[in-house]
C-alpha atoms as a PDB file:
ATOM      1  CA  MET A   1      12.542 -89.739 187.954  1.00  0.00           C
ATOM      2  CA  ILE A   2      12.361 -92.056 190.960  1.00  0.00           C
ATOM      3  CA  SER A   3      13.166 -95.735 190.527  1.00  0.00           C
ATOM      4  CA  ALA A   4      12.733 -98.693 192.833  1.00  0.00           C
ATOM      5  CA  ALA A   5      16.491 -99.300 192.716  1.00  0.00           C
ATOM      6  CA  GLY A   6      17.132 -95.678 193.627  1.00  0.00           C
ATOM      7  CA  VAL A   7      14.799 -95.908 196.598  1.00  0.00           C
ATOM      8  CA  ARG A   8      16.488 -99.098 197.754  1.00  0.00           C
ATOM      9  CA  ARG A   9      19.895 -97.404 197.569  1.00  0.00           C
ATOM     10  CA  ALA A  10      18.532 -94.441 199.503  1.00  0.00           C
ATOM     11  CA  ALA A  11      16.977 -96.819 202.004  1.00  0.00           C
ATOM     12  CA  GLY A  12      20.332 -98.468 202.497  1.00  0.00           C
ATOM     13  CA  ARG A  13      21.954 -95.131 203.237  1.00  0.00           C
ATOM     14  CA  ALA A  14      19.116 -94.184 205.567  1.00  0.00           C
ATOM     15  CA  GLY A  15      19.426 -97.565 207.233  1.00  0.00           C
ATOM     16  CA  VAL A  16      23.054 -96.929 208.087  1.00  0.00           C
ATOM     17  CA  PHE A  17      22.120 -93.588 209.640  1.00  0.00           C
ATOM     18  CA  PHE A  18      19.069 -94.871 211.437  1.00  0.00           C
ATOM     19  CA  GLY A  19      20.805 -98.027 212.582  1.00  0.00           C
ATOM     20  CA  LEU A  20      23.003 -95.935 214.849  1.00  0.00           C
ATOM     21  CA  MET A  21      19.890 -94.369 216.361  1.00  0.00           C
ATOM     22  CA  ALA A  22      17.754 -97.489 216.470  1.00  0.00           C
ATOM     23  CA  GLY A  23      20.156 -99.845 218.175  1.00  0.00           C
ATOM     24  CA  ALA A  24      19.158 -98.726 221.630  1.00  0.00           C
ATOM     25  CA  VAL A  25      15.497 -99.097 220.744  1.00  0.00           C
ATOM     26  CA  LEU A  26      15.448-102.400 218.901  1.00  0.00           C
ATOM     27  CA  SER A  27      18.777-104.158 218.596  1.00  0.00           C
ATOM     28  CA  VAL A  28      17.433-107.645 217.913  1.00  0.00           C
ATOM     29  CA  GLY A  29      13.694-107.078 217.654  1.00  0.00           C
ATOM     30  CA  SER A  30      13.011-108.332 221.156  1.00  0.00           C
ATOM     31  CA  THR A  31      12.854-105.092 223.147  1.00  0.00           C
ATOM     32  CA  LEU A  32       9.869-103.672 221.270  1.00  0.00           C
ATOM     33  CA  ALA A  33       6.620-104.044 223.185  1.00  0.00           C
ATOM     34  CA  VAL A  34       4.025-106.305 221.605  1.00  0.00           C
ATOM     35  CA  ALA A  35       0.849-104.414 220.647  1.00  0.00           C
ATOM     36  CA  GLN A  36      -2.590-105.693 219.769  1.00  0.00           C
ATOM     37  CA  PRO A  37      -3.017-106.018 215.989  1.00  0.00           C
ATOM     38  CA  MET A  38      -5.824-104.308 214.123  1.00  0.00           C
ATOM     39  CA  ALA A  39      -9.065-106.241 214.275  1.00  0.00           C
ATOM     40  CA  THR A  40     -10.418-106.619 210.757  1.00  0.00           C
ATOM     41  CA  GLY A  41     -13.852-107.696 209.635  1.00  0.00           C
ATOM     42  CA  GLY A  42     -15.472-108.774 206.391  1.00  0.00           C
ATOM     43  CA  LEU A  43     -15.068-107.642 202.809  1.00  0.00           C
ATOM     44  CA  THR A  44     -15.894-104.026 202.046  1.00  0.00           C
ATOM     45  CA  SER A  45     -15.860-101.582 199.133  1.00  0.00           C
ATOM     46  CA  GLN A  46     -12.644-100.884 197.264  1.00  0.00           C
ATOM     47  CA  PRO A  47     -11.426 -97.262 197.206  1.00  0.00           C
ATOM     48  CA  ILE A  48     -12.133 -95.764 193.788  1.00  0.00           C
ATOM     49  CA  GLY A  49      -8.474 -94.832 193.334  1.00  0.00           C
ATOM     50  CA  HIS A  50      -7.383 -98.408 193.956  1.00  0.00           C
ATOM     51  CA  TYR A  51     -10.098 -99.683 191.614  1.00  0.00           C
ATOM     52  CA  ASP A  52      -8.706 -97.513 188.809  1.00  0.00           C
ATOM     53  CA  PHE A  53      -5.148 -98.558 189.707  1.00  0.00           C
ATOM     54  CA  CYS A  54      -6.216-102.195 189.402  1.00  0.00           C
ATOM     55  CA  ARG A  55      -7.805-101.615 185.989  1.00  0.00           C
ATOM     56  CA  LEU A  56      -4.451-100.347 184.756  1.00  0.00           C
ATOM     57  CA  ASN A  57      -2.392-102.923 186.688  1.00  0.00           C
ATOM     58  CA  PRO A  58      -4.552-106.067 186.815  1.00  0.00           C
ATOM     59  CA  ALA A  59      -1.649-108.395 187.592  1.00  0.00           C
ATOM     60  CA  GLU A  60      -0.936-106.462 190.783  1.00  0.00           C
ATOM     61  CA  CYS A  61      -4.504-106.801 192.024  1.00  0.00           C
ATOM     62  CA  SER A  62      -5.057-110.503 191.425  1.00  0.00           C
ATOM     63  CA  ILE A  63      -2.365-111.890 193.732  1.00  0.00           C
ATOM     64  CA  ARG A  64      -3.705-114.403 196.203  1.00  0.00           C
ATOM     65  CA  GLU A  65      -1.375-115.001 199.109  1.00  0.00           C
ATOM     66  CA  ARG A  66      -1.613-117.723 201.697  1.00  0.00           C
ATOM     67  CA  ASP A  67      -1.821-115.828 204.950  1.00  0.00           C
ATOM     68  CA  THR A  68       0.702-117.539 207.200  1.00  0.00           C
ATOM     69  CA  GLY A  69       0.488-114.840 209.843  1.00  0.00           C
ATOM     70  CA  PRO A  70       2.462-111.661 210.498  1.00  0.00           C
ATOM     71  CA  VAL A  71       6.139-111.501 209.582  1.00  0.00           C
ATOM     72  CA  GLU A  72       8.584-112.083 212.445  1.00  0.00           C
ATOM     73  CA  MET A  73       9.907-108.782 213.742  1.00  0.00           C
ATOM     74  CA  THR A  74      13.702-108.677 213.928  1.00  0.00           C
ATOM     75  CA  GLY A  75      16.236-105.915 214.284  1.00  0.00           C
ATOM     76  CA  ALA A  76      17.014-106.217 210.582  1.00  0.00           C
ATOM     77  CA  LEU A  77      13.357-105.907 209.585  1.00  0.00           C
ATOM     78  CA  TRP A  78      12.830-102.927 211.888  1.00  0.00           C
ATOM     79  CA  ARG A  79      15.794-101.079 210.421  1.00  0.00           C
ATOM     80  CA  LYS A  80      14.608-101.956 206.928  1.00  0.00           C
ATOM     81  CA  ILE A  81      11.061-100.623 207.314  1.00  0.00           C
ATOM     82  CA  VAL A  82      12.248 -97.444 209.012  1.00  0.00           C
ATOM     83  CA  ALA A  83      14.912 -96.878 206.348  1.00  0.00           C
ATOM     84  CA  VAL A  84      12.388 -97.372 203.533  1.00  0.00           C
ATOM     85  CA  ASN A  85       9.938 -94.986 205.183  1.00  0.00           C
ATOM     86  CA  ILE A  86      12.628 -92.303 205.500  1.00  0.00           C
ATOM     87  CA  ALA A  87      14.009 -92.867 201.995  1.00  0.00           C
ATOM     88  CA  VAL A  88      10.674 -92.757 200.163  1.00  0.00           C
ATOM     89  CA  ASN A  89       9.512 -89.736 202.151  1.00  0.00           C
ATOM     90  CA  ALA A  90      12.692 -87.931 201.129  1.00  0.00           C
ATOM     91  CA  ALA A  91      12.632 -89.063 197.485  1.00  0.00           C
ATOM     92  CA  ILE A  92       9.107 -87.910 196.585  1.00  0.00           C
ATOM     93  CA  LYS A  93       7.890 -84.331 196.366  1.00  0.00           C
ATOM     94  CA  PRO A  94       4.419 -84.048 197.934  1.00  0.00           C
ATOM     95  CA  MET A  95       1.845 -82.849 195.386  1.00  0.00           C
ATOM     96  CA  ASN A  96      -1.876 -83.461 195.115  1.00  0.00           C
ATOM     97  CA  ASP A  97      -3.530 -85.216 192.212  1.00  0.00           C
ATOM     98  CA  ILE A  98      -5.284 -82.091 190.956  1.00  0.00           C
ATOM     99  CA  ASP A  99      -1.959 -80.330 190.474  1.00  0.00           C
ATOM    100  CA  ILE A 100      -0.305 -83.335 188.828  1.00  0.00           C
ATOM    101  CA  TYR A 101      -3.128 -84.899 186.794  1.00  0.00           C
ATOM    102  CA  GLY A 102      -5.958 -82.381 186.901  1.00  0.00           C
ATOM    103  CA  ARG A 103      -8.257 -84.795 188.748  1.00  0.00           C
ATOM    104  CA  ASP A 104      -8.640 -86.503 192.122  1.00  0.00           C
ATOM    105  CA  GLU A 105      -7.957 -90.040 193.291  1.00  0.00           C
ATOM    106  CA  VAL A 106      -5.154 -91.063 190.929  1.00  0.00           C
ATOM    107  CA  TRP A 107      -3.221 -93.905 192.561  1.00  0.00           C
ATOM    108  CA  THR A 108       0.045 -94.617 190.797  1.00  0.00           C
ATOM    109  CA  TYR A 109       3.721 -95.248 191.373  1.00  0.00           C
ATOM    110  CA  PRO A 110       5.509 -91.901 191.780  1.00  0.00           C
ATOM    111  CA  ASP A 111       8.092 -92.610 189.078  1.00  0.00           C
ATOM    112  CA  ASN A 112       8.182 -88.902 188.231  1.00  0.00           C
ATOM    113  CA  GLY A 113       9.278 -88.080 191.789  1.00  0.00           C
ATOM    114  CA  GLU A 114       5.941 -86.479 192.746  1.00  0.00           C
ATOM    115  CA  GLY A 115       2.840 -87.816 194.428  1.00  0.00           C
ATOM    116  CA  ASP A 116       0.338 -87.783 197.253  1.00  0.00           C
ATOM    117  CA  CYS A 117      -0.183 -90.159 200.172  1.00  0.00           C
ATOM    118  CA  GLU A 118      -1.363 -93.170 198.137  1.00  0.00           C
ATOM    119  CA  ASP A 119       1.628 -92.900 195.828  1.00  0.00           C
ATOM    120  CA  TYR A 120       4.042 -92.911 198.770  1.00  0.00           C
ATOM    121  CA  VAL A 121       2.276 -96.030 200.038  1.00  0.00           C
ATOM    122  CA  LEU A 122       2.541 -97.822 196.696  1.00  0.00           C
ATOM    123  CA  GLU A 123       6.271 -97.077 196.474  1.00  0.00           C
ATOM    124  CA  LYS A 124       6.970 -98.238 200.047  1.00  0.00           C
ATOM    125  CA  ARG A 125       4.966-101.392 199.423  1.00  0.00           C
ATOM    126  CA  ARG A 126       6.836-102.100 196.168  1.00  0.00           C
ATOM    127  CA  THR A 127      10.233-101.489 197.753  1.00  0.00           C
ATOM    128  CA  LEU A 128       9.604-103.665 200.813  1.00  0.00           C
ATOM    129  CA  SER A 129       8.161-106.415 198.612  1.00  0.00           C
ATOM    130  CA  HIS A 130      11.356-106.366 196.539  1.00  0.00           C
ATOM    131  CA  GLU A 131      13.252-106.629 199.830  1.00  0.00           C
ATOM    132  CA  GLY A 132      11.476-109.915 200.592  1.00  0.00           C
ATOM    133  CA  VAL A 133       8.532-108.895 202.782  1.00  0.00           C
ATOM    134  CA  SER A 134       5.356-110.752 201.816  1.00  0.00           C
ATOM    135  CA  LEU A 135       2.543-108.720 200.262  1.00  0.00           C
ATOM    136  CA  SER A 136       0.218-110.313 202.816  1.00  0.00           C
ATOM    137  CA  ASP A 137       2.055-108.235 205.422  1.00  0.00           C
ATOM    138  CA  LEU A 138       2.190-105.003 203.364  1.00  0.00           C
ATOM    139  CA  LEU A 139      -1.321-103.609 203.353  1.00  0.00           C
ATOM    140  CA  ILE A 140      -2.562-100.293 201.983  1.00  0.00           C
ATOM    141  CA  THR A 141      -4.783 -98.769 204.664  1.00  0.00           C
ATOM    142  CA  VAL A 142      -7.321 -95.927 204.528  1.00  0.00           C
ATOM    143  CA  VAL A 143      -7.655 -93.753 207.613  1.00  0.00           C
ATOM    144  CA  ARG A 144      -9.181 -90.493 208.714  1.00  0.00           C
ATOM    145  CA  LYS A 145      -6.883 -87.930 210.300  1.00  0.00           C
ATOM    146  CA  PRO A 146      -7.959 -86.028 213.434  1.00  0.00           C
ATOM    147  CA  ASP A 147      -8.981 -83.079 211.226  1.00  0.00           C
ATOM    148  CA  GLY A 148     -11.392 -85.348 209.332  1.00  0.00           C
ATOM    149  CA  GLU A 149      -9.371 -85.546 206.115  1.00  0.00           C
ATOM    150  CA  GLY A 150      -8.965 -88.918 204.406  1.00  0.00           C
ATOM    151  CA  HIS A 151      -5.446 -90.316 204.244  1.00  0.00           C
ATOM    152  CA  ALA A 152      -3.616 -93.495 203.200  1.00  0.00           C
ATOM    153  CA  VAL A 153      -0.758 -95.251 204.995  1.00  0.00           C
ATOM    154  CA  LEU A 154       1.058 -98.561 204.685  1.00  0.00           C
ATOM    155  CA  THR A 155       0.443-101.097 207.441  1.00  0.00           C
ATOM    156  CA  VAL A 156       3.190-103.664 208.033  1.00  0.00           C
ATOM    157  CA  ARG A 157       1.913-106.684 209.960  1.00  0.00           C
ATOM    158  CA  THR A 158       4.541-108.114 212.312  1.00  0.00           C
ATOM    159  CA  SER A 159       4.810-110.408 215.298  1.00  0.00           C
ATOM    160  CA  LYS A 160       5.185-107.283 217.451  1.00  0.00           C
ATOM    161  CA  GLY A 161       2.006-105.696 216.105  1.00  0.00           C
ATOM    162  CA  ASP A 162       0.901-103.605 213.143  1.00  0.00           C
ATOM    163  CA  PHE A 163       3.219-100.728 212.243  1.00  0.00           C
ATOM    164  CA  VAL A 164       2.360 -97.697 210.128  1.00  0.00           C
ATOM    165  CA  LEU A 165       4.572 -96.120 207.466  1.00  0.00           C
ATOM    166  CA  ASP A 166       3.331 -92.605 206.822  1.00  0.00           C
ATOM    167  CA  ASN A 167       4.448 -89.857 204.443  1.00  0.00           C
ATOM    168  CA  LEU A 168       3.594 -87.264 207.111  1.00  0.00           C
ATOM    169  CA  THR A 169       6.305 -88.479 209.478  1.00  0.00           C
ATOM    170  CA  ASP A 170       9.580 -90.402 209.321  1.00  0.00           C
ATOM    171  CA  ALA A 171       8.694 -92.136 212.586  1.00  0.00           C
ATOM    172  CA  VAL A 172       7.345 -95.673 212.215  1.00  0.00           C
ATOM    173  CA  ARG A 173       4.617 -96.065 214.826  1.00  0.00           C
ATOM    174  CA  GLN A 174       2.302 -98.735 216.156  1.00  0.00           C
ATOM    175  CA  TRP A 175      -1.074 -98.366 214.485  1.00  0.00           C
ATOM    176  CA  ASP A 176      -2.803 -97.364 217.740  1.00  0.00           C
ATOM    177  CA  GLU A 177      -0.298 -94.572 218.444  1.00  0.00           C
ATOM    178  CA  THR A 178      -1.060 -92.471 215.357  1.00  0.00           C
ATOM    179  CA  GLY A 179      -4.293 -90.749 216.416  1.00  0.00           C
ATOM    180  CA  TYR A 180      -5.982 -91.906 213.192  1.00  0.00           C
ATOM    181  CA  ASN A 181      -9.404 -93.489 212.778  1.00  0.00           C
ATOM    182  CA  TYR A 182      -8.886 -96.680 210.765  1.00  0.00           C
ATOM    183  CA  LEU A 183     -11.476 -97.371 208.095  1.00  0.00           C
ATOM    184  CA  LYS A 184     -10.409-100.192 205.777  1.00  0.00           C
ATOM    185  CA  ARG A 185      -7.353-101.955 204.415  1.00  0.00           C
ATOM    186  CA  GLN A 186      -6.322-104.485 201.794  1.00  0.00           C
ATOM    187  CA  SER A 187      -7.068-108.106 202.477  1.00  0.00           C
ATOM    188  CA  ALA A 188      -4.041-110.125 203.547  1.00  0.00           C
ATOM    189  CA  GLU A 189      -5.191-112.899 201.207  1.00  0.00           C
ATOM    190  CA  ASN A 190      -6.067-111.014 198.009  1.00  0.00           C
ATOM    191  CA  THR A 191      -4.393-107.823 196.777  1.00  0.00           C
ATOM    192  CA  GLY A 192      -7.541-106.693 194.972  1.00  0.00           C
ATOM    193  CA  ARG A 193      -9.915-106.963 197.912  1.00  0.00           C
ATOM    194  CA  TRP A 194     -10.458-104.838 201.002  1.00  0.00           C
ATOM    195  CA  VAL A 195     -11.718-105.552 204.512  1.00  0.00           C
ATOM    196  CA  THR A 196     -13.255-103.424 207.220  1.00  0.00           C
ATOM    197  CA  ILE A 197     -11.411-102.428 210.358  1.00  0.00           C
ATOM    198  CA  ARG A 198     -13.541-102.925 213.439  1.00  0.00           C
ATOM    199  CA  GLU A 199     -14.440 -99.869 215.489  1.00  0.00           C
ATOM    200  CA  GLY A 200     -13.783 -97.763 212.368  1.00  0.00           C
ATOM    201  CA  GLN A 201     -16.075 -95.158 210.889  1.00  0.00           C
ATOM    202  CA  THR A 202     -17.732 -95.116 207.511  1.00  0.00           C
ATOM    203  CA  THR A 203     -15.268 -93.670 205.041  1.00  0.00           C
ATOM    204  CA  MET A 204     -15.876 -90.480 203.078  1.00  0.00           C
ATOM    205  CA  VAL A 205     -13.228 -91.515 200.561  1.00  0.00           C
ATOM    206  CA  GLY A 206     -14.631 -92.439 197.147  1.00  0.00           C
ATOM    207  CA  SER A 207     -15.173 -96.186 196.807  1.00  0.00           C
ATOM    208  CA  VAL A 208     -16.788 -98.740 194.558  1.00  0.00           C
ATOM    209  CA  LYS A 209     -18.604-101.956 195.280  1.00  0.00           C
END
């Protein structure tokens, strides 16, 4: 079984390892190039998996945050988000919903140590929130991979741009360096609402109005 505390301990260990590697890249958060943030639009449909998650976890989907802007990027924050990405990727065994639950689009915390892309995202979001990062800067995001398959990642909004935490790689990348088509993401002001991403394509992922 995976626990939030266990992930945080693993993230701490990963942070020590990665800190040695990351120092030359981002020692104090100032050497990272500033990238353009995602341009979001109006409200859009909620992914069906998130809708079902919210029915089971209503308190998590009714949080209204005052959007005070992206979190300030520092060396400590950079090491933290990279460490959490590495730790959660290592802690969870990738399995699809059909194999685990016998049906598609089940979004849940991977407390049994197994899950698919949305479950990795939920765990990373929970862990970073417990580490003090505002939920308004931790946004579940739906994308389409170059092969056309739907996928979910965690977007972290920062003063240096929007960074993507992805279960398919331990590298934390700027959103525009992933090769993904961005479709929609959570609103920064309401955890139960979603907004469009401009220049995106209409999603094939199941959604509800």
